[in-house]
Amino acid sequence: MNTHPTTKLVNQDQPMTLFGEKTPRAVIYKSESNKLHQAFCVKENKVIHQGMPVALDTDGNIEPYIPGGDGSQVYLGIAVTDNINPAYQAQRNFPVEVTVAVEAFMVVNWVAKEAMECGYVKPTDKLLIDRFITAETSDEETKFISIVPADEANDIIQVLVR
């Protein structure tokens, strides 16, 4: 039995001229074709639906974004897939991933100044082997979000750049 409220899933009642069928509404109506997408694992016991705003937790998993939530949430973007009918099923030690159209334009590899959780980071003026920017955690919102945790200093971390 369907307990969800009904919704009008068709754009008006006009048939398409070519096929004569009604046009169904999509969850994602329009998006930039060049939007950066990134796959994330979903936090345990959480459900992500296509079109849902999602946030990053401190372990690098995503969960529904709730404005004014627990404070550890970092808004990432909109889920393009879901974990109900995933594009790829979980395999061996790899859990289901959800693709997110992230609010960022680049993913860069930096190194952690010390062990750190996922979340906002800020660059320092130090380089590792004259190549990798060293990052440290930030208590304030920045343009940089570490999307993988670091177990120790000099671990490579992936950072979303907004």
Protein backbone atom coordinates (compact mmCIF):
# COMPACT_ATOMS: atom_id res chain seq x y z
CA MET A 1 0.00 0.00 0.00
CA ASN A 2 1.39 3.38 -0.98
CA THR A 3 1.42 5.68 2.04
CA HIS A 4 3.10 8.57 0.23
CA PRO A 5 0.99 11.59 -0.66
CA THR A 6 0.02 11.70 -4.30
CA THR A 7 1.61 14.23 -6.55
CA LYS A 8 1.00 15.36 -10.10
CA LEU A 9 3.82 13.66 -11.99
CA VAL A 10 2.96 15.09 -15.39
CA ASN A 11 3.58 18.58 -16.76
CA GLN A 12 0.07 19.81 -17.40
CA ASP A 13 -2.15 17.59 -19.51
CA GLN A 14 -0.60 18.20 -22.91
CA PRO A 15 0.57 15.32 -25.08
CA MET A 16 3.95 15.45 -26.77
CA THR A 17 3.48 16.08 -30.47
CA LEU A 18 5.89 13.36 -31.62
CA PHE A 19 4.80 10.42 -29.50
CA GLY A 20 1.53 11.59 -28.04
CA GLU A 21 2.57 10.70 -24.50
CA LYS A 22 2.56 12.95 -21.45
CA THR A 23 5.92 14.21 -20.20
CA PRO A 24 6.71 12.88 -16.71
CA ARG A 25 8.28 15.21 -14.16
CA ALA A 26 11.85 14.44 -13.15
CA VAL A 27 13.29 14.95 -9.70
CA ILE A 28 16.14 17.00 -11.14
CA TYR A 29 14.58 19.38 -13.66
CA LYS A 30 17.70 21.13 -15.00
CA SER A 31 21.37 21.19 -14.09
CA GLU A 32 24.66 22.37 -15.49
CA SER A 33 26.16 19.69 -17.69
CA ASN A 34 29.64 20.59 -16.48
CA LYS A 35 28.84 20.34 -12.75
CA LEU A 36 31.44 18.54 -10.66
CA HIS A 37 30.18 15.18 -9.38
CA GLN A 38 31.73 13.08 -6.62
CA ALA A 39 30.73 9.69 -5.19
CA PHE A 40 30.32 9.32 -1.40
CA CYS A 41 29.41 6.49 0.96
CA VAL A 42 26.21 6.98 2.94
CA LYS A 43 26.20 7.22 6.74
CA GLU A 44 24.94 4.04 8.36
CA ASN A 45 21.14 3.81 8.73
CA LYS A 46 20.55 6.92 6.59
CA VAL A 47 18.56 7.04 3.36
CA ILE A 48 19.48 9.40 0.55
CA HIS A 49 16.93 10.18 -2.17
CA GLN A 50 17.71 11.63 -5.57
CA GLY A 51 17.43 15.43 -5.46
CA MET A 52 18.04 15.58 -1.69
CA PRO A 53 20.47 18.16 -0.23
CA VAL A 54 23.29 16.25 1.47
CA ALA A 55 25.97 17.03 4.03
CA LEU A 56 29.34 15.51 4.88
CA ASP A 57 29.90 14.04 8.33
CA THR A 58 33.27 13.93 10.11
CA ASP A 59 34.00 10.39 8.81
CA GLY A 60 33.55 11.32 5.13
CA ASN A 61 30.06 9.85 4.71
CA ILE A 62 26.99 11.73 3.56
CA GLU A 63 23.64 12.17 5.25
CA PRO A 64 20.57 14.32 4.62
CA TYR A 65 21.39 18.01 5.12
CA ILE A 66 19.30 19.51 7.90
CA PRO A 67 19.77 23.30 8.26
CA GLY A 68 20.45 24.11 11.90
CA GLY A 69 21.25 20.43 12.57
CA ASP A 70 23.91 19.05 14.89
CA GLY A 71 26.59 21.53 13.79
CA SER A 72 28.99 18.94 12.39
CA GLN A 73 27.24 18.90 9.02
CA VAL A 74 29.01 20.50 6.08
CA TYR A 75 26.70 21.12 3.11
CA LEU A 76 28.03 19.44 -0.06
CA GLY A 77 25.36 19.61 -2.76
CA ILE A 78 22.46 17.66 -4.25
CA ALA A 79 22.28 13.87 -4.57
CA VAL A 80 22.10 12.81 -8.21
CA THR A 81 21.61 9.12 -7.37
CA ASP A 82 20.24 7.43 -4.26
CA ASN A 83 20.98 4.44 -2.05
CA ILE A 84 17.54 2.90 -2.54
CA ASN A 85 18.10 1.92 -6.18
CA PRO A 86 21.84 2.55 -6.53
CA ALA A 87 23.64 2.67 -9.86
CA TYR A 88 26.12 0.10 -8.48
CA GLN A 89 25.34 -2.46 -5.80
CA ALA A 90 27.61 -2.93 -2.78
CA GLN A 91 30.43 -5.35 -3.52
CA ARG A 92 32.65 -7.19 -1.04
CA ASN A 93 34.11 -4.48 1.20
CA PHE A 94 32.81 -1.60 -0.90
CA PRO A 95 29.52 -0.09 0.29
CA VAL A 96 26.92 1.59 -1.88
CA GLU A 97 27.95 5.02 -3.06
CA VAL A 98 25.75 7.97 -3.98
CA THR A 99 26.82 10.51 -6.58
CA VAL A 100 26.53 14.14 -5.52
CA ALA A 101 26.59 17.25 -7.70
CA VAL A 102 28.86 19.15 -5.35
CA GLU A 103 28.98 22.87 -4.74
CA ALA A 104 32.64 23.04 -5.82
CA PHE A 105 34.68 23.36 -8.98
CA MET A 106 37.70 21.17 -8.23
CA VAL A 107 39.05 18.32 -6.11
CA VAL A 108 42.73 18.66 -5.15
CA ASN A 109 45.17 16.45 -3.28
CA TRP A 110 46.72 18.13 -0.25
CA VAL A 111 48.39 16.67 2.83
CA ALA A 112 47.20 16.87 6.41
CA LYS A 113 49.26 18.81 8.94
CA GLU A 114 48.10 16.29 11.56
CA ALA A 115 45.43 13.62 12.05
CA MET A 116 42.08 15.19 11.16
CA GLU A 117 38.43 14.44 10.52
CA CYS A 118 36.55 15.52 7.41
CA GLY A 119 35.30 19.07 7.26
CA TYR A 120 36.54 22.59 6.67
CA VAL A 121 40.29 23.01 6.25
CA LYS A 122 42.62 25.90 5.52
CA PRO A 123 45.89 25.86 3.62
CA THR A 124 49.20 26.64 5.29
CA ASP A 125 52.35 28.06 3.72
CA LYS A 126 54.16 24.70 3.96
CA LEU A 127 54.63 22.26 1.08
CA LEU A 128 55.42 18.56 1.30
CA ILE A 129 58.20 17.56 -1.11
CA ASP A 130 57.81 20.94 -2.83
CA ARG A 131 54.51 19.79 -4.25
CA PHE A 132 51.57 19.24 -1.92
CA ILE A 133 49.90 22.03 0.05
CA THR A 134 49.67 21.27 3.76
CA ALA A 135 46.22 21.80 5.30
CA GLU A 136 44.98 22.14 8.84
CA THR A 137 41.48 21.98 10.28
CA SER A 138 39.40 25.13 10.48
CA ASP A 139 36.72 25.90 13.05
CA GLU A 140 35.20 28.40 10.64
CA GLU A 141 33.66 27.84 7.22
CA THR A 142 36.23 28.09 4.42
CA LYS A 143 36.33 27.53 0.67
CA PHE A 144 38.03 24.16 1.28
CA ILE A 145 36.45 20.90 2.52
CA SER A 146 38.45 17.77 3.27
CA ILE A 147 36.31 14.86 2.09
CA VAL A 148 38.57 12.12 3.48
CA PRO A 149 39.96 11.86 7.03
CA ALA A 150 43.69 11.70 7.80
CA ASP A 151 45.01 9.14 10.27
CA GLU A 152 48.29 10.99 10.79
CA ALA A 153 50.39 13.93 9.62
CA ASN A 154 51.36 13.95 5.93
CA ASP A 155 48.46 11.69 4.86
CA ILE A 156 47.12 12.75 1.46
CA ILE A 157 43.62 14.18 1.70
CA GLN A 158 41.17 15.06 -1.05
CA VAL A 159 39.87 18.60 -0.75
CA LEU A 160 36.84 20.12 -2.49
CA VAL A 161 37.49 23.68 -3.61
CA ARG A 162 34.45 25.96 -3.70
